């Protein structure tokens, strides 16, 4: 008799949030948020200030009492209304913008702070291992005030990793660093977390950081996640005008559907799946506008008003016939002088039409 192959049990996600809602003084700041982060994945919760992303992180960490919904870490229920496991027992690592190192403790003592449950030998071994992993062995006896911002961030990471957390929560953790160092430290930090198989939730208002860091992005608007997906998916197929505009500057126009098309100062745009007479918002990315010399060919016209050459990228501002101004980003040669008239064409890959909100 041939037995059926045994089903392999799927490992629980590092973090599961189910229908999480939270209000302060009757104002709902988190509204039915659900997401799941697998082990070794980095998810970015991204949105403008006040959208609810930091409150979501604090609820996951156990720093706020849960009002609605459920939170599980590695399959274990850690919070629901009327039940909450304390933060120190959730196996969660936390990193914040200000590093929050203890100034009176050395680097090694900071890293060892959360390891009091271990014997001295095991604790010393763990500190030695983590300092080597973040390349800070030579600074084990230094105090935080003697370190640079990047070095303090490495120590904060080692301290957060010390208890071997199931989940790492990063709240604007790299925003205090200068631009070049921020990129380096972020890449080093996330590489270590992925290698360790730690599920990671990064909260940021910086769309570029989310694109560079996240395996999955959750775009948050007014307490709700309005779209989740890989960075390329959100960029190429945004769910609404907010998502389309969050990943860089855009040109916006308001219009109305007439005969299956909308008229804009950049030309007519054919639309599908929108009702006749519906008010819409047209979003055009600067890289979606193509310029050629006005040579009598058909197309919308504009006048080149200003330009800035940024190496291989040229930023151009056009004045349209209706008086509005648009921004264009060109990677080719823009052989047009200020004041000259140009013909404008649109690239449909960078053009989106949404029902007006």
Protein backbone atom coordinates (compact mmCIF):
# COMPACT_ATOMS: atom_id res chain seq x y z
CA UNK A 1 0.00 0.00 0.00
CA UNK A 2 1.39 3.39 -1.00
CA UNK A 3 0.74 6.08 1.57
CA UNK A 4 -0.01 9.62 0.56
CA UNK A 5 2.87 12.06 0.90
CA UNK A 6 2.87 13.89 4.18
CA UNK A 7 1.73 17.50 3.95
CA UNK A 8 4.46 19.87 5.03
CA UNK A 9 3.14 22.28 7.63
CA UNK A 10 3.52 25.88 6.53
CA UNK A 11 5.52 28.00 8.92
CA UNK A 12 3.48 30.81 10.51
CA UNK A 13 4.17 34.36 9.38
CA UNK A 14 6.52 36.45 11.47
CA UNK A 15 3.75 39.03 11.91
CA UNK A 16 0.01 38.88 11.25
CA UNK A 17 -2.23 41.90 11.79
CA UNK A 18 -5.95 41.32 11.40
CA UNK A 19 -8.55 44.13 11.19
CA UNK A 20 -6.64 46.45 13.51
CA UNK A 21 -8.43 49.69 14.41
CA UNK A 22 -7.58 52.36 16.96
CA UNK A 23 -8.98 55.75 17.96
CA UNK A 24 -7.84 58.68 20.07
CA UNK A 25 -10.62 60.90 21.45
CA UNK A 26 -13.21 59.61 18.96
CA UNK A 27 -10.81 60.11 16.01
CA UNK A 28 -10.00 56.84 14.29
CA UNK A 29 -6.31 56.90 13.39
CA UNK A 30 -5.97 53.23 12.39
CA UNK A 31 -8.84 51.80 10.36
CA UNK A 32 -9.14 48.02 9.73
CA UNK A 33 -5.47 47.44 8.95
CA UNK A 34 -4.50 43.90 7.95
CA UNK A 35 -1.13 42.60 6.75
CA UNK A 36 1.23 39.64 7.08
CA UNK A 37 5.04 39.64 7.07
CA UNK A 38 6.89 36.36 6.45
CA UNK A 39 10.18 35.50 8.13
CA UNK A 40 13.10 37.20 6.41
CA UNK A 41 10.87 39.70 4.61
CA UNK A 42 11.03 43.48 4.94
CA UNK A 43 7.68 45.26 4.68
CA UNK A 44 7.41 49.05 4.60
CA UNK A 45 4.45 50.90 6.04
CA UNK A 46 4.62 54.21 4.21
CA UNK A 47 2.54 57.36 4.26
CA UNK A 48 2.51 61.03 5.28
CA UNK A 49 2.70 62.23 8.87
CA UNK A 50 -0.51 61.53 10.78
CA UNK A 51 -1.69 58.64 8.59
CA UNK A 52 -1.54 56.10 11.46
CA UNK A 53 1.62 54.17 10.63
CA UNK A 54 3.47 54.84 13.91
CA UNK A 55 0.33 54.04 15.94
CA UNK A 56 0.14 50.71 14.09
CA UNK A 57 3.75 49.98 15.02
CA UNK A 58 3.16 50.90 18.67
CA UNK A 59 0.16 48.55 18.81
CA UNK A 60 2.27 45.71 17.40
CA UNK A 61 5.02 46.44 19.94
CA UNK A 62 2.53 46.44 22.81
CA UNK A 63 3.10 50.12 23.66
CA UNK A 64 -0.61 50.89 23.18
CA UNK A 65 -3.58 48.83 24.42
CA UNK A 66 -5.43 47.25 21.51
CA UNK A 67 -9.05 48.31 20.89
CA UNK A 68 -10.06 46.28 17.84
CA UNK A 69 -8.45 43.46 15.88
CA UNK A 70 -5.79 40.81 16.55
CA UNK A 71 -2.01 40.63 16.35
CA UNK A 72 0.00 37.41 16.07
CA UNK A 73 3.78 36.99 16.09
CA UNK A 74 5.10 33.65 14.75
CA UNK A 75 1.56 32.29 15.06
CA UNK A 76 1.21 33.24 18.72
CA UNK A 77 -1.63 35.59 19.66
CA UNK A 78 -0.09 38.57 21.44
CA UNK A 79 -3.00 41.03 21.48
CA UNK A 80 -6.74 41.31 21.06
CA UNK A 81 -9.35 43.34 22.98
CA UNK A 82 -9.08 42.39 26.65
CA UNK A 83 -5.83 40.45 26.18
CA UNK A 84 -2.26 41.68 25.75
CA UNK A 85 1.13 40.06 26.23
CA UNK A 86 3.56 42.65 27.69
CA UNK A 87 6.07 44.18 25.25
CA UNK A 88 9.08 42.50 26.88
CA UNK A 89 7.52 39.06 26.31
CA UNK A 90 6.59 39.53 22.63
CA UNK A 91 10.09 38.78 21.25
CA UNK A 92 10.08 42.06 19.35
CA UNK A 93 13.12 44.22 18.58
CA UNK A 94 12.66 47.99 18.35
CA UNK A 95 14.78 50.62 16.62
CA UNK A 96 13.89 54.30 16.63
CA UNK A 97 15.17 57.48 15.03
CA UNK A 98 17.04 58.61 18.17
CA UNK A 99 18.85 55.24 18.73
CA UNK A 100 17.89 55.40 22.48
CA UNK A 101 21.24 54.05 23.73
CA UNK A 102 21.97 54.24 27.45
CA UNK A 103 24.61 56.99 27.79
CA UNK A 104 26.08 55.62 31.05
CA UNK A 105 26.70 52.14 29.59
CA UNK A 106 29.47 51.06 27.24
CA UNK A 107 28.75 49.63 23.81
CA UNK A 108 29.07 46.08 25.13
CA UNK A 109 26.86 46.86 28.15
CA UNK A 110 24.20 48.40 25.90
CA UNK A 111 24.10 45.26 23.75
CA UNK A 112 24.00 43.02 26.83
CA UNK A 113 21.15 44.95 28.46
CA UNK A 114 18.41 42.59 27.25
CA UNK A 115 20.39 39.42 28.01
CA UNK A 116 20.17 39.34 31.78
CA UNK A 117 18.46 35.96 31.60
CA UNK A 118 21.67 34.40 30.29
CA UNK A 119 24.68 33.32 32.31
CA UNK A 120 27.73 35.56 32.11
CA UNK A 121 29.61 33.30 29.70
CA UNK A 122 26.69 32.93 27.28
CA UNK A 123 25.96 36.65 27.53
CA UNK A 124 29.57 37.59 26.70
CA UNK A 125 29.57 35.19 23.76
CA UNK A 126 26.36 36.68 22.38
CA UNK A 127 27.67 40.26 22.73
CA UNK A 128 30.94 39.30 21.01
CA UNK A 129 29.03 37.63 18.15
CA UNK A 130 26.71 40.61 17.58
CA UNK A 131 29.43 43.26 17.74
CA UNK A 132 31.38 41.29 15.13
CA UNK A 133 28.26 41.06 12.95
CA UNK A 134 27.79 44.86 12.95
CA UNK A 135 31.55 45.54 12.71
CA UNK A 136 31.77 47.25 16.11
CA UNK A 137 34.12 44.89 18.00
CA UNK A 138 36.80 47.57 18.35
CA UNK A 139 34.32 49.87 20.15
CA UNK A 140 33.04 47.48 22.82
CA UNK A 141 34.39 49.61 25.69
CA UNK A 142 33.43 52.99 24.17
CA UNK A 143 30.51 55.10 25.35
CA UNK A 144 27.70 56.23 22.98
CA UNK A 145 28.65 59.92 23.04
CA UNK A 146 32.05 59.12 21.52
CA UNK A 147 30.50 57.39 18.48
CA UNK A 148 29.30 58.78 15.16
CA UNK A 149 25.64 58.53 14.17
CA UNK A 150 26.31 55.51 11.97
CA UNK A 151 28.22 53.75 14.73
CA UNK A 152 25.43 54.41 17.22
CA UNK A 153 22.94 52.96 14.75
CA UNK A 154 25.02 49.77 14.48
CA UNK A 155 25.06 49.45 18.26
CA UNK A 156 21.29 50.00 18.40
CA UNK A 157 20.86 47.21 15.84
CA UNK A 158 23.09 44.83 17.82
CA UNK A 159 21.13 45.58 21.01
CA UNK A 160 17.79 45.01 19.23
CA UNK A 161 19.04 41.69 17.79
CA UNK A 162 20.56 40.47 21.07
CA UNK A 163 17.44 38.63 22.39
CA UNK A 164 17.00 36.97 18.95
CA UNK A 165 13.61 38.61 18.23
CA UNK A 166 10.98 37.03 15.99
CA UNK A 167 10.05 40.49 14.69
CA UNK A 168 11.96 43.74 14.18
CA UNK A 169 10.11 47.07 14.17
CA UNK A 170 11.92 50.09 12.71
CA UNK A 171 10.31 53.51 13.22
CA UNK A 172 12.00 56.08 10.92
CA UNK A 173 15.16 54.37 12.13
CA UNK A 174 17.51 55.86 9.53
CA UNK A 175 16.12 59.37 9.10
CA UNK A 176 18.58 61.01 11.53
CA UNK A 177 21.57 60.02 9.37
CA UNK A 178 22.92 62.05 6.47
CA UNK A 179 21.92 60.86 2.99
CA UNK A 180 25.01 58.83 2.01
CA UNK A 181 25.38 57.20 5.44
CA UNK A 182 21.63 56.50 5.62
CA UNK A 183 21.77 54.38 2.47
CA UNK A 184 24.81 52.43 3.66
CA UNK A 185 23.52 51.75 7.19
CA UNK A 186 20.03 50.85 5.92
CA UNK A 187 21.40 48.33 3.44
CA UNK A 188 23.72 46.80 6.05
CA UNK A 189 20.92 46.62 8.64
CA UNK A 190 18.36 45.02 6.34
CA UNK A 191 20.91 42.54 4.98
CA UNK A 192 21.62 41.37 8.54
CA UNK A 193 17.89 41.07 9.32
CA UNK A 194 17.18 39.10 6.14
CA UNK A 195 20.13 36.80 6.80
CA UNK A 196 18.85 36.17 10.32
CA UNK A 197 15.37 35.38 8.95
CA UNK A 198 13.80 38.13 11.04
CA UNK A 199 10.43 39.48 9.88
CA UNK A 200 10.81 43.26 9.66
CA UNK A 201 8.28 46.10 9.55
CA UNK A 202 9.80 49.47 8.63
CA UNK A 203 7.73 52.62 9.15
CA UNK A 204 8.77 55.55 6.98
CA UNK A 205 7.37 58.70 5.36
CA UNK A 206 10.10 58.51 2.69
CA UNK A 207 8.76 56.86 -0.47
CA UNK A 208 12.26 56.46 -1.93
CA UNK A 209 13.39 54.61 1.19
CA UNK A 210 10.34 52.33 0.98
CA UNK A 211 11.07 51.53 -2.68
CA UNK A 212 14.73 50.74 -1.98
CA UNK A 213 14.17 48.81 1.26
CA UNK A 214 10.88 46.94 1.05
CA UNK A 215 9.99 43.56 -0.38
CA UNK A 216 6.39 44.71 0.07
CA UNK A 217 5.06 48.25 0.51
CA UNK A 218 1.82 49.07 2.32
CA UNK A 219 0.69 52.59 1.34
CA UNK A 220 -1.31 54.14 4.17
CA UNK A 221 -3.77 57.02 3.84
CA UNK A 222 -5.92 58.40 6.67
CA UNK A 223 -5.57 55.27 8.80
CA UNK A 224 -6.18 52.74 6.00
CA UNK A 225 -3.90 50.66 3.84
CA UNK A 226 -5.05 51.66 0.37
CA UNK A 227 -2.64 49.41 -1.56
CA UNK A 228 -0.12 46.66 -0.82
CA UNK A 229 2.37 45.10 -3.19
CA UNK A 230 5.92 45.02 -4.49
CA UNK A 231 7.47 48.46 -5.07
CA UNK A 232 7.37 48.03 -8.86
CA UNK A 233 3.66 47.15 -8.72
CA UNK A 234 2.69 50.24 -6.73
CA UNK A 235 4.76 52.45 -9.01
CA UNK A 236 3.42 50.99 -12.27
CA UNK A 237 -0.18 50.37 -11.19
CA UNK A 238 -1.13 52.76 -8.37
CA UNK A 239 -4.58 52.20 -6.90
CA UNK A 240 -5.45 55.88 -6.59
CA UNK A 241 -4.10 59.39 -7.07
CA UNK A 242 -2.61 59.41 -3.57
CA UNK A 243 -0.41 56.37 -4.30
CA UNK A 244 0.52 57.69 -7.74
CA UNK A 245 1.65 60.98 -6.24
CA UNK A 246 3.42 59.59 -3.22
CA UNK A 247 6.33 58.14 -5.18
CA UNK A 248 7.57 61.44 -6.54
CA UNK A 249 6.30 64.76 -7.92
CA UNK A 250 3.46 64.60 -10.44
CA UNK A 251 1.41 66.93 -12.61
CA UNK A 252 -2.32 66.91 -11.78
CA UNK A 253 -5.34 67.96 -13.81
CA UNK A 254 -9.07 67.78 -13.16
CA UNK A 255 -11.32 66.80 -16.03
CA UNK A 256 -14.65 65.19 -16.96
CA UNK A 257 -15.27 62.12 -19.11
CA UNK A 258 -16.82 63.04 -22.46
CA UNK A 259 -17.26 60.48 -25.21
CA UNK A 260 -14.86 58.00 -23.62
CA UNK A 261 -12.06 60.55 -23.26
CA UNK A 262 -10.88 63.38 -21.03
CA UNK A 263 -9.46 66.67 -22.30
CA UNK A 264 -6.35 68.07 -20.58
CA UNK A 265 -3.96 70.92 -21.44
CA UNK A 266 -1.51 68.19 -22.52
CA UNK A 267 -3.96 66.67 -24.97
CA UNK A 268 -6.93 64.30 -25.07
CA UNK A 269 -6.67 60.99 -23.20
CA UNK A 270 -8.83 57.98 -23.99
CA UNK A 271 -10.21 56.24 -20.89
CA UNK A 272 -11.94 52.95 -20.18
CA UNK A 273 -14.17 51.76 -17.34
CA UNK A 274 -15.17 55.30 -16.39
CA UNK A 275 -18.71 56.61 -16.66
CA UNK A 276 -19.77 59.33 -19.06
CA UNK A 277 -19.80 62.67 -17.24
CA UNK A 278 -17.70 61.39 -14.32
CA UNK A 279 -15.29 63.85 -12.72
CA UNK A 280 -11.73 62.52 -12.71
CA UNK A 281 -8.21 63.40 -11.63
CA UNK A 282 -5.46 62.97 -14.22
CA UNK A 283 -1.96 62.27 -12.86
CA UNK A 284 1.04 62.57 -15.16
CA UNK A 285 4.55 61.87 -13.93
CA UNK A 286 7.27 64.29 -15.12
CA UNK A 287 8.99 61.43 -16.96
CA UNK A 288 5.75 60.74 -18.83
CA UNK A 289 5.93 63.92 -20.91
CA UNK A 290 8.00 63.83 -24.11
CA UNK A 291 9.22 66.98 -25.87
CA UNK A 292 10.11 67.68 -29.48
CA UNK A 293 10.69 70.85 -31.41
CA UNK A 294 7.51 72.50 -32.67
CA UNK A 295 7.87 71.80 -36.40
CA UNK A 296 4.30 71.97 -37.59
CA UNK A 297 3.44 68.37 -36.65
CA UNK A 298 0.25 67.64 -34.73
CA UNK A 299 0.26 67.56 -30.96
CA UNK A 300 -0.22 69.80 -27.97
CA UNK A 301 1.98 72.86 -27.77
CA UNK A 302 3.80 74.43 -24.82
CA UNK A 303 6.55 76.96 -24.24
CA UNK A 304 9.77 76.07 -22.42
CA UNK A 305 9.91 78.42 -19.44
CA UNK A 306 12.83 77.13 -17.34
CA UNK A 307 15.25 74.24 -17.18
CA UNK A 308 17.84 72.69 -14.89
CA UNK A 309 20.45 70.21 -16.07
CA UNK A 310 21.26 67.62 -13.40
CA UNK A 311 23.89 65.52 -15.13
CA UNK A 312 22.11 62.86 -17.19
CA UNK A 313 18.68 64.17 -16.11
CA UNK A 314 17.15 67.43 -17.31
CA UNK A 315 14.28 69.02 -15.40
CA UNK A 316 12.16 71.33 -17.54
CA UNK A 317 9.18 73.55 -16.72
CA UNK A 318 6.64 74.22 -19.46
CA UNK A 319 3.95 76.89 -19.70
CA UNK A 320 0.82 75.48 -21.36
CA UNK A 321 -1.64 77.45 -23.50
CA UNK A 322 -4.18 77.63 -20.64
CA UNK A 323 -1.56 79.27 -18.40
CA UNK A 324 -0.84 76.21 -16.25
CA UNK A 325 2.71 75.04 -15.57
CA UNK A 326 3.99 71.47 -15.73
CA UNK A 327 7.23 69.78 -14.77
CA UNK A 328 9.05 67.45 -17.16
CA UNK A 329 11.96 65.11 -16.47
CA UNK A 330 13.99 64.11 -19.55
CA UNK A 331 16.92 61.72 -19.71
CA UNK A 332 17.75 62.45 -23.35
CA UNK A 333 19.11 65.61 -24.92
CA UNK A 334 16.77 68.61 -24.62
CA UNK A 335 17.90 70.74 -27.56
CA UNK A 336 15.39 73.53 -26.97
CA UNK A 337 16.12 77.03 -25.71
CA UNK A 338 14.15 78.83 -23.02
CA UNK A 339 11.23 80.64 -24.62
CA UNK A 340 10.96 78.26 -27.57
CA UNK A 341 7.75 76.41 -28.39
CA UNK A 342 7.70 72.61 -28.17
CA UNK A 343 5.32 69.79 -29.10
CA UNK A 344 4.21 67.59 -26.20
CA UNK A 345 3.45 63.86 -26.29
CA UNK A 346 2.40 61.59 -23.41
CA UNK A 347 3.83 58.21 -22.39
CA UNK A 348 0.86 56.06 -21.24
CA UNK A 349 3.11 54.14 -18.79
CA UNK A 350 3.33 57.26 -16.64
CA UNK A 351 -0.22 58.50 -17.06
CA UNK A 352 -3.14 57.63 -14.75
CA UNK A 353 -6.79 58.66 -14.60
CA UNK A 354 -8.75 58.12 -11.38
CA UNK A 355 -12.29 58.95 -10.26
CA UNK A 356 -12.14 62.20 -8.31
CA UNK A 357 -12.05 61.61 -4.56
